[in-house]
Protein backbone atom coordinates (compact mmCIF):
# COMPACT_ATOMS: atom_id res chain seq x y z
CA UNK A 1 22.27 14.57 -7.90
CA UNK A 2 18.50 14.32 -7.79
CA UNK A 3 16.34 17.31 -8.60
CA UNK A 4 14.67 17.09 -5.17
CA UNK A 5 18.01 17.82 -3.49
CA UNK A 6 18.23 21.24 -5.13
CA UNK A 7 16.70 24.14 -3.22
CA UNK A 8 14.47 26.64 -4.98
CA UNK A 9 13.94 30.36 -4.70
CA UNK A 10 10.56 32.02 -4.44
CA UNK A 11 11.29 34.61 -7.15
CA UNK A 12 13.09 32.95 -10.07
CA UNK A 13 15.09 35.26 -12.35
CA UNK A 14 13.70 35.83 -15.86
CA UNK A 15 16.99 34.54 -17.23
CA UNK A 16 19.45 31.99 -15.79
CA UNK A 17 21.60 33.80 -13.26
CA UNK A 18 25.13 33.10 -12.05
CA UNK A 19 25.98 34.80 -8.74
CA UNK A 20 29.61 35.23 -7.73
CA UNK A 21 31.86 36.96 -5.21
CA UNK A 22 32.61 40.41 -6.58
CA UNK A 23 35.54 40.81 -4.18
CA UNK A 24 37.34 37.73 -5.53
CA UNK A 25 39.86 38.57 -8.26
CA UNK A 26 40.13 34.92 -9.29
CA UNK A 27 36.36 34.71 -9.67
CA UNK A 28 36.29 37.89 -11.73
CA UNK A 29 38.80 36.49 -14.22
CA UNK A 30 36.83 33.32 -14.87
CA UNK A 31 33.44 35.02 -14.87
CA UNK A 32 34.73 37.13 -17.77
CA UNK A 33 35.52 33.93 -19.65
CA UNK A 34 32.19 32.27 -18.86
CA UNK A 35 30.34 35.43 -19.85
CA UNK A 36 31.79 35.11 -23.35
CA UNK A 37 31.22 31.35 -23.51
CA UNK A 38 27.55 31.59 -22.58
CA UNK A 39 26.99 34.34 -25.17
CA UNK A 40 24.15 36.16 -23.45
CA UNK A 41 22.30 33.02 -22.35
CA UNK A 42 23.21 33.61 -18.69
CA UNK A 43 23.18 36.77 -16.57
CA UNK A 44 26.02 37.40 -14.12
CA UNK A 45 25.76 39.36 -10.88
CA UNK A 46 27.83 39.68 -7.72
CA UNK A 47 26.34 38.32 -4.53
CA UNK A 48 26.94 41.69 -2.90
CA UNK A 49 24.11 42.98 -5.10
CA UNK A 50 22.01 39.86 -5.62
CA UNK A 51 21.92 38.36 -2.10
CA UNK A 52 19.07 40.59 -0.97
CA UNK A 53 16.86 39.24 -3.78
CA UNK A 54 17.31 35.64 -2.68
CA UNK A 55 16.99 35.44 1.12
CA UNK A 56 16.50 31.66 0.86
CA UNK A 57 20.24 31.28 0.18
CA UNK A 58 22.52 31.85 3.20
CA UNK A 59 25.10 34.58 2.73
CA UNK A 60 27.80 32.13 3.79
CA UNK A 61 26.93 29.98 0.79
CA UNK A 62 27.55 32.89 -1.56
CA UNK A 63 30.95 33.36 0.03
CA UNK A 64 31.87 29.68 -0.32
CA UNK A 65 31.00 29.13 -3.98
CA UNK A 66 29.30 30.44 -7.06
CA UNK A 67 25.53 30.00 -7.20
CA UNK A 68 23.51 29.32 -10.33
CA UNK A 69 19.75 29.82 -10.46
CA UNK A 70 17.84 28.63 -13.50
CA UNK A 71 14.59 30.10 -14.83
CA UNK A 72 12.56 27.59 -12.82
CA UNK A 73 14.13 28.85 -9.61
CA UNK A 74 16.24 25.75 -9.00
CA UNK A 75 19.54 26.51 -7.30
CA UNK A 76 22.91 24.87 -7.94
CA UNK A 77 26.22 25.40 -6.16
CA UNK A 78 29.95 25.10 -6.77
CA UNK A 79 31.11 22.86 -9.65
CA UNK A 80 27.58 21.87 -10.59
CA UNK A 81 26.66 25.54 -10.86
CA UNK A 82 29.51 26.08 -13.31
CA UNK A 83 28.51 23.10 -15.43
CA UNK A 84 24.82 24.04 -15.49
CA UNK A 85 25.58 27.60 -16.54
CA UNK A 86 27.97 26.60 -19.33
CA UNK A 87 25.48 24.00 -20.53
CA UNK A 88 23.17 26.81 -21.58
CA UNK A 89 25.18 26.69 -24.80
CA UNK A 90 24.37 23.61 -26.87
CA UNK A 91 28.06 22.98 -27.54
CA UNK A 92 28.67 22.49 -23.81
CA UNK A 93 25.67 20.47 -22.72
CA UNK A 94 28.00 17.52 -22.29
CA UNK A 95 29.37 19.12 -19.11
CA UNK A 96 26.12 18.80 -17.16
CA UNK A 97 25.45 15.41 -18.73
CA UNK A 98 28.85 14.13 -17.57
CA UNK A 99 28.23 15.50 -14.09
CA UNK A 100 24.92 13.63 -13.89
CA UNK A 101 25.76 10.37 -15.64
CA UNK A 102 29.50 9.64 -15.59
CA UNK A 103 30.41 7.74 -12.41
CA UNK A 104 32.74 9.74 -10.20
CA UNK A 105 32.48 12.90 -12.30
CA UNK A 106 30.39 14.81 -9.75
CA UNK A 107 32.55 13.81 -6.79
CA UNK A 108 35.83 14.63 -8.54
CA UNK A 109 34.47 17.95 -9.82
CA UNK A 110 33.26 19.03 -6.38
CA UNK A 111 36.52 18.04 -4.68
CA UNK A 112 38.51 19.96 -7.29
CA UNK A 113 36.23 22.97 -6.87
CA UNK A 114 36.67 22.96 -3.08
CA UNK A 115 40.46 22.79 -3.39
CA UNK A 116 40.52 25.69 -5.83
CA UNK A 117 38.01 27.72 -3.79
CA UNK A 118 40.18 27.39 -0.68
CA UNK A 119 43.25 28.60 -2.57
CA UNK A 120 41.85 31.39 -4.72
CA UNK A 121 44.93 33.58 -4.36
CA UNK A 122 47.13 30.78 -5.62
CA UNK A 123 44.61 30.02 -8.35
CA UNK A 124 44.65 33.64 -9.43
CA UNK A 125 48.46 33.59 -9.62
CA UNK A 126 48.46 30.40 -11.69
CA UNK A 127 45.78 31.82 -13.98
CA UNK A 128 47.81 34.96 -14.58
CA UNK A 129 50.93 32.89 -15.14
CA UNK A 130 49.33 30.64 -17.76
CA UNK A 131 46.77 32.96 -19.37
CA UNK A 132 47.80 36.48 -18.44
CA UNK A 133 45.30 39.16 -17.49
CA UNK A 134 42.82 38.11 -20.19
CA UNK A 135 41.35 34.62 -19.82
CA UNK A 136 38.47 35.11 -22.22
CA UNK A 137 38.27 32.61 -25.10
CA UNK A 138 40.89 33.65 -27.64
CA UNK A 139 39.97 35.33 -30.90
CA UNK A 140 42.20 35.31 -33.96
CA UNK A 141 41.04 38.10 -36.26
CA UNK A 142 44.47 39.76 -36.43
CA UNK A 143 46.18 36.39 -36.74
CA UNK A 144 43.91 35.47 -39.65
CA UNK A 145 44.68 38.72 -41.45
CA UNK A 146 48.44 38.38 -41.09
CA UNK A 147 48.42 34.66 -41.79
CA UNK A 148 46.57 35.14 -45.07
CA UNK A 149 48.93 37.94 -46.06
CA UNK A 150 51.93 35.75 -45.27
CA UNK A 151 50.37 32.89 -47.20
CA UNK A 152 49.83 35.23 -50.14
CA UNK A 153 53.51 36.18 -49.95
CA UNK A 154 54.54 32.51 -49.95
CA UNK A 155 52.33 31.83 -52.97
CA UNK A 156 53.86 34.87 -54.68
CA UNK A 157 57.39 33.57 -54.09
CA UNK A 158 56.40 30.11 -55.31
CA UNK A 159 54.80 31.31 -58.54
CA UNK A 160 57.43 33.94 -59.39
CA UNK A 161 60.33 31.54 -58.85
CA UNK A 162 58.68 28.82 -60.94
CA UNK A 163 57.66 31.26 -63.68
CA UNK A 164 61.31 32.02 -64.40
CA UNK A 165 62.14 28.31 -64.72
CA UNK A 166 59.00 26.75 -66.17
CA UNK A 167 60.14 26.63 -69.79
CA UNK A 168 63.48 25.05 -68.95
CA UNK A 169 62.07 22.52 -66.51
CA UNK A 170 58.73 21.35 -67.89
CA UNK A 171 58.24 23.34 -71.09
CA UNK A 172 58.03 21.80 -74.56
CA UNK A 173 61.83 21.77 -74.83
CA UNK A 174 62.49 21.44 -71.11
CA UNK A 175 64.15 18.72 -69.07
CA UNK A 176 60.87 16.90 -68.29
CA UNK A 177 58.27 18.25 -70.74
CA UNK A 178 54.78 18.05 -69.28
CA UNK A 179 53.44 17.70 -72.82
CA UNK A 180 55.14 14.29 -72.96
CA UNK A 181 54.58 13.31 -69.32
CA UNK A 182 50.78 13.52 -69.32
CA UNK A 183 50.20 11.45 -72.50
CA UNK A 184 52.58 8.81 -71.17
CA UNK A 185 50.70 8.76 -67.85
CA UNK A 186 47.38 8.40 -69.65
CA UNK A 187 48.76 5.52 -71.67
CA UNK A 188 49.80 3.74 -68.48
CA UNK A 189 46.82 4.56 -66.25
CA UNK A 190 44.00 5.09 -68.68
CA UNK A 191 41.06 7.08 -67.35
CA UNK A 192 42.45 6.93 -63.81
CA UNK A 193 45.20 9.31 -64.85
CA UNK A 194 42.85 12.30 -64.50
CA UNK A 195 42.17 11.58 -60.81
CA UNK A 196 45.67 10.35 -59.96
CA UNK A 197 47.26 13.41 -61.59
CA UNK A 198 44.77 16.27 -61.17
CA UNK A 199 46.04 19.20 -63.21
CA UNK A 200 44.62 21.80 -65.57
CA UNK A 201 47.44 20.89 -67.93
CA UNK A 202 45.28 18.04 -69.19
CA UNK A 203 43.42 20.73 -71.13
CA UNK A 204 46.51 22.54 -72.34
CA UNK A 205 50.18 21.77 -71.67
CA UNK A 206 51.75 24.40 -73.88
CA UNK A 207 54.39 26.83 -72.68
CA UNK A 208 51.86 29.62 -72.96
CA UNK A 209 49.46 27.87 -70.60
CA UNK A 210 52.25 27.26 -68.08
CA UNK A 211 52.96 30.99 -68.20
CA UNK A 212 49.24 31.66 -67.72
CA UNK A 213 49.18 29.51 -64.57
CA UNK A 214 52.27 31.19 -63.15
CA UNK A 215 51.18 34.71 -64.09
CA UNK A 216 47.67 34.09 -62.82
CA UNK A 217 49.14 32.80 -59.57
CA UNK A 218 51.15 36.01 -59.18
CA UNK A 219 48.07 38.19 -59.66
CA UNK A 220 45.98 36.08 -57.29
CA UNK A 221 48.75 36.16 -54.69
CA UNK A 222 48.81 39.95 -54.78
CA UNK A 223 45.03 40.08 -54.42
CA UNK A 224 45.24 37.75 -51.41
CA UNK A 225 47.92 39.92 -49.81
CA UNK A 226 45.59 42.90 -50.21
CA UNK A 227 42.67 40.94 -48.75
CA UNK A 228 40.51 41.15 -51.88
CA UNK A 229 38.05 38.25 -52.38
CA UNK A 230 40.29 35.96 -50.29
CA UNK A 231 38.19 32.80 -50.57
CA UNK A 232 38.02 32.93 -54.37
CA UNK A 233 41.73 33.74 -54.54
CA UNK A 234 42.63 30.81 -52.29
CA UNK A 235 40.53 28.38 -54.30
CA UNK A 236 42.14 29.50 -57.56
CA UNK A 237 45.64 29.55 -56.04
CA UNK A 238 45.23 26.01 -54.78
CA UNK A 239 44.00 24.77 -58.17
CA UNK A 240 46.78 26.60 -60.05
CA UNK A 241 49.57 25.42 -57.76
CA UNK A 242 48.25 21.86 -57.64
CA UNK A 243 48.21 21.87 -61.44
CA UNK A 244 51.80 23.08 -61.58
CA UNK A 245 52.91 20.67 -58.86
CA UNK A 246 51.59 17.72 -60.84
CA UNK A 247 53.04 19.10 -64.06
CA UNK A 248 56.34 19.83 -62.32
CA UNK A 249 56.90 16.17 -61.50
CA UNK A 250 60.23 15.73 -59.68
CA UNK A 251 60.92 19.46 -59.60
CA UNK A 252 57.89 20.25 -57.43
CA UNK A 253 57.88 17.16 -55.27
CA UNK A 254 59.50 18.67 -52.20
CA UNK A 255 58.22 18.95 -48.64
CA UNK A 256 57.48 22.65 -48.98
CA UNK A 257 55.36 22.13 -52.10
CA UNK A 258 53.17 19.58 -50.32
CA UNK A 259 52.98 21.79 -47.24
CA UNK A 260 51.88 24.76 -49.33
CA UNK A 261 49.10 22.70 -50.90
CA UNK A 262 47.91 21.45 -47.50
CA UNK A 263 48.02 24.92 -46.00
CA UNK A 264 46.41 26.55 -49.00
CA UNK A 265 43.54 24.08 -49.05
CA UNK A 266 42.71 24.42 -45.35
CA UNK A 267 43.02 28.20 -45.55
CA UNK A 268 40.07 28.32 -47.94
CA UNK A 269 37.81 27.55 -44.98
CA UNK A 270 39.54 29.99 -42.63
CA UNK A 271 39.39 32.99 -44.94
CA UNK A 272 36.57 35.53 -44.51
CA UNK A 273 33.73 35.49 -47.03
CA UNK A 274 33.99 39.11 -48.13
CA UNK A 275 34.89 41.17 -51.18
CA UNK A 276 37.06 43.77 -49.49
CA UNK A 277 39.00 43.86 -46.20
CA UNK A 278 36.87 45.30 -43.38
CA UNK A 279 38.76 45.55 -40.13
CA UNK A 280 35.89 46.92 -38.11
CA UNK A 281 33.49 44.17 -39.17
CA UNK A 282 34.91 40.76 -39.97
CA UNK A 283 33.08 37.48 -40.47
CA UNK A 284 33.63 34.94 -37.68
CA UNK A 285 36.40 32.39 -37.94
CA UNK A 286 35.74 28.74 -38.55
CA UNK A 287 36.99 27.05 -35.39
CA UNK A 288 37.24 23.76 -37.26
CA UNK A 289 39.49 25.28 -39.94
CA UNK A 290 41.63 26.96 -37.28
CA UNK A 291 41.95 23.64 -35.46
CA UNK A 292 43.01 21.87 -38.65
CA UNK A 293 45.68 24.45 -39.41
CA UNK A 294 47.01 24.16 -35.86
CA UNK A 295 46.94 20.39 -36.26
CA UNK A 296 48.91 20.77 -39.49
CA UNK A 297 51.57 22.77 -37.63
CA UNK A 298 51.57 20.19 -34.83
CA UNK A 299 51.98 17.35 -37.30
CA UNK A 300 54.72 19.17 -39.20
CA UNK A 301 56.81 19.86 -36.11
CA UNK A 302 56.33 16.49 -34.39
CA UNK A 303 56.99 14.45 -37.51
CA UNK A 304 60.07 16.57 -38.27
CA UNK A 305 61.48 15.56 -34.90
CA UNK A 306 60.29 11.97 -34.78
CA UNK A 307 61.66 11.17 -38.23
CA UNK A 308 65.11 12.24 -37.02
CA UNK A 309 65.07 9.84 -34.09
CA UNK A 310 63.64 6.97 -36.12
CA UNK A 311 65.97 7.44 -39.09
CA UNK A 312 68.63 5.15 -37.62
CA UNK A 313 71.17 7.98 -37.78
CA UNK A 314 73.21 7.96 -34.55
CA UNK A 315 74.12 11.63 -34.95
CA UNK A 316 70.77 12.63 -33.45
CA UNK A 317 71.82 11.31 -30.05
CA UNK A 318 69.99 7.98 -30.12
CA UNK A 319 72.70 5.35 -29.79
CA UNK A 320 72.31 1.73 -28.68
CA UNK A 321 68.66 2.26 -27.70
CA UNK A 322 69.50 5.13 -25.34
CA UNK A 323 70.19 8.84 -25.49
CA UNK A 324 73.80 10.07 -25.42
CA UNK A 325 74.79 13.73 -25.24
CA UNK A 326 78.11 13.04 -26.95
CA UNK A 327 76.27 11.49 -29.90
CA UNK A 328 74.48 14.74 -30.78
CA UNK A 329 76.74 15.33 -33.76
CA UNK A 330 74.21 16.02 -36.54
CA UNK A 331 75.27 19.66 -36.85
CA UNK A 332 78.90 18.63 -37.30
CA UNK A 333 77.87 17.77 -40.87
CA UNK A 334 74.65 19.67 -41.45
CA UNK A 335 75.93 23.18 -42.07
CA UNK A 336 78.17 22.25 -44.99
CA UNK A 337 76.11 19.37 -46.40
CA UNK A 338 72.71 21.11 -46.57
CA UNK A 339 71.35 22.68 -49.78
CA UNK A 340 72.95 26.02 -50.61
CA UNK A 341 74.41 26.95 -47.20
CA UNK A 342 74.62 30.67 -46.52
CA UNK A 343 77.52 32.68 -45.16
CA UNK A 344 76.01 32.30 -41.69
CA UNK A 345 76.30 28.53 -42.04
CA UNK A 346 80.08 28.92 -42.21
CA UNK A 347 80.11 30.80 -38.92
CA UNK A 348 77.71 28.30 -37.34
CA UNK A 349 79.94 25.43 -38.43
CA UNK A 350 82.86 27.04 -36.58
CA UNK A 351 80.93 27.27 -33.31
CA UNK A 352 82.13 25.24 -30.27
CA UNK A 353 81.29 21.56 -30.15
CA UNK A 354 79.19 21.93 -27.00
CA UNK A 355 77.08 24.57 -28.72
CA UNK A 356 76.41 22.26 -31.67
CA UNK A 357 75.35 19.49 -29.29
CA UNK A 358 73.09 21.91 -27.45
CA UNK A 359 71.61 23.10 -30.76
CA UNK A 360 70.73 19.53 -31.78
CA UNK A 361 69.07 18.90 -28.42
CA UNK A 362 67.24 22.24 -28.65
CA UNK A 363 65.97 21.35 -32.11
CA UNK A 364 64.63 17.99 -30.94
CA UNK A 365 62.91 19.52 -27.91
CA UNK A 366 61.28 22.24 -30.01
CA UNK A 367 60.11 19.77 -32.64
CA UNK A 368 58.89 16.94 -30.39
CA UNK A 369 57.94 18.35 -26.98
CA UNK A 370 57.08 22.01 -27.56
CA UNK A 371 54.27 21.22 -30.09
CA UNK A 372 52.19 19.98 -27.16
CA UNK A 373 52.00 23.61 -26.03
CA UNK A 374 49.96 24.44 -29.14
CA UNK A 375 46.95 23.16 -27.18
CA UNK A 376 48.04 24.70 -23.85
CA UNK A 377 46.83 27.92 -22.16
CA UNK A 378 47.60 31.21 -23.84
CA UNK A 379 51.05 32.12 -22.52
CA UNK A 380 52.43 28.62 -23.06
CA UNK A 381 51.00 28.71 -26.58
CA UNK A 382 52.77 32.01 -27.22
CA UNK A 383 56.03 30.53 -25.93
CA UNK A 384 55.59 27.68 -28.41
CA UNK A 385 55.01 30.17 -31.23
CA UNK A 386 58.15 32.09 -30.28
CA UNK A 387 60.30 28.95 -30.16
CA UNK A 388 58.95 27.71 -33.50
CA UNK A 389 59.57 31.05 -35.18
CA UNK A 390 63.06 31.31 -33.70
CA UNK A 391 63.98 27.82 -34.92
CA UNK A 392 62.66 28.47 -38.42
CA UNK A 393 64.45 31.82 -38.61
CA UNK A 394 67.77 30.25 -37.62
CA UNK A 395 67.33 27.46 -40.17
CA UNK A 396 66.52 30.03 -42.87
CA UNK A 397 69.62 32.06 -41.98
CA UNK A 398 71.95 29.10 -42.41
CA UNK A 399 70.42 27.28 -45.38
CA UNK A 400 68.15 27.64 -48.39
CA UNK A 401 64.93 25.68 -48.04
CA UNK A 402 62.90 27.73 -50.49
CA UNK A 403 59.75 29.11 -48.82
CA UNK A 404 59.47 26.27 -46.30
CA UNK A 405 60.59 28.28 -43.27
CA UNK A 406 58.46 31.29 -44.18
CA UNK A 407 55.40 29.08 -44.61
CA UNK A 408 56.00 27.43 -41.25
CA UNK A 409 56.33 30.85 -39.62
CA UNK A 410 53.04 31.84 -41.27
CA UNK A 411 51.35 28.85 -39.61
CA UNK A 412 52.86 29.92 -36.29
CA UNK A 413 51.02 33.25 -36.56
CA UNK A 414 47.78 31.36 -35.91
CA UNK A 415 49.00 30.69 -32.36
CA UNK A 416 49.02 34.41 -31.56
CA UNK A 417 45.57 35.53 -30.43
CA UNK A 418 44.15 39.04 -30.43
CA UNK A 419 44.78 39.55 -26.71
CA UNK A 420 48.49 39.72 -27.53
CA UNK A 421 47.80 42.95 -29.38
CA UNK A 422 45.37 44.31 -26.79
CA UNK A 423 42.35 42.49 -28.25
CA UNK A 424 41.23 45.10 -30.80
CA UNK A 425 37.53 45.70 -31.06
CA UNK A 426 36.19 43.66 -33.96
CA UNK A 427 32.50 43.25 -34.58
CA UNK A 428 31.95 39.87 -36.16
CA UNK A 429 29.44 39.99 -38.96
CA UNK A 430 26.48 37.70 -38.50
CA UNK A 431 26.80 35.12 -41.22
CA UNK A 432 23.64 33.85 -42.80
CA UNK A 433 23.28 30.12 -42.71
CA UNK A 434 23.43 29.72 -46.44
CA UNK A 435 25.71 27.65 -48.61
CA UNK A 436 28.84 29.66 -47.72
CA UNK A 437 28.23 29.31 -43.98
CA UNK A 438 27.59 25.57 -44.21
CA UNK A 439 30.66 25.03 -46.37
CA UNK A 440 32.96 27.04 -44.10
CA UNK A 441 31.73 25.38 -40.92
CA UNK A 442 30.77 21.84 -41.85
CA UNK A 443 33.36 20.87 -44.45
CA UNK A 444 36.32 21.31 -42.06
CA UNK A 445 34.45 19.14 -39.55
CA UNK A 446 34.17 16.43 -42.19
CA UNK A 447 37.89 16.78 -42.90
CA UNK A 448 38.62 16.38 -39.18
CA UNK A 449 36.54 13.21 -38.96
CA UNK A 450 38.24 11.68 -41.99
CA UNK A 451 41.81 12.90 -41.54
CA UNK A 452 42.37 12.95 -37.76
CA UNK A 453 42.85 9.16 -37.44
CA UNK A 454 45.15 9.21 -40.48
CA UNK A 455 47.21 12.08 -39.08
CA UNK A 456 47.51 10.30 -35.74
CA UNK A 457 48.70 7.17 -37.48
CA UNK A 458 51.26 9.13 -39.52
CA UNK A 459 52.63 10.88 -36.42
CA UNK A 460 53.07 7.75 -34.33
CA UNK A 461 54.40 5.56 -37.14
CA UNK A 462 56.84 8.12 -38.55
């Protein structure tokens, strides 16, 4: 749309102004969201109050659509008004650019706006169904606190359980002594051994040092649970557990060990840069780190399901290149063939055949289809979190998979935003743009750029 086609007002507002219908419940919901997104760059006012200030704009126009007036007095309507207002934030300038330059974008946007504007009551119902009463951008301060506590608990379990076994597994007189493994690796790989096998045990592989790593991990885990210097704790925990994972060789080469390292590393950039927990004033979250942790959960669930269907095992229902309900027999064998089945596994194994078939289908749906809801509106995202947690809890009740299920549940906590708990009032501390700020914000972005194509390839070639 050319600039000449936009009307102007005689008395421009000192600040960009979005005018909306104060009697429209649907409008009110989305204005609350846009108010947060524009972060003070745009003023919002109902046309019932503002119309008298701008007689150049017909009252009927205010009733038909939102109206946006920039500081120069130029007036925009409907979808274009929404895009122009949101583009006041640098992160959303692409909206107005797309409207102006992408063929068909303006026409499609305006048609969609007209359809929604004519069915505001229906739109309000759909909004409440998908988002609830609060459509503002989600915040995750409570989720971050509980996630880090849960992660600290998982680290605590990992270090305590290994501490009791370290001497017998990888000690000097253990089954696979690390003091023999590392020299042998260096002999085979030369100088590359230090990068291929990154572990502090290169400096010291004695039993005492193994105890130091485990004991230090326990102390750091407790500090993380208490919220004390979380970033430093997470860095040290990652280094300690990576060192033990390499030293542990076959004994620490399980899925949950790798998942803990991935989660622990990404959590470094999610954790608040503070010495002590301060509920009333928390540093902002890194959206990039949060995205990566959600992506990790998405990858974990999808690949867990896809690998079942691509394993060639007919018991997952995929028989002769098609799906068969009667072939969903995986749980006929699972409960008594899994590692260390619990007493509940015995009862589950005695359940009716139809229930076992249903359980297999439910598992596949939760692992392959439901992960898409991680990126969906709020209520669908919460449904996904509930289904994930339920599945992991049931698996944990019937079998022993170390801390895998607890760690997966911890990741699910990041899907539960603050609005679920009534959106507690948290004043985000203004972070100075020093080294810590750049590291927390920019490094996860670099990880996304490097790892996203690789993760996509892993998911679709599993």
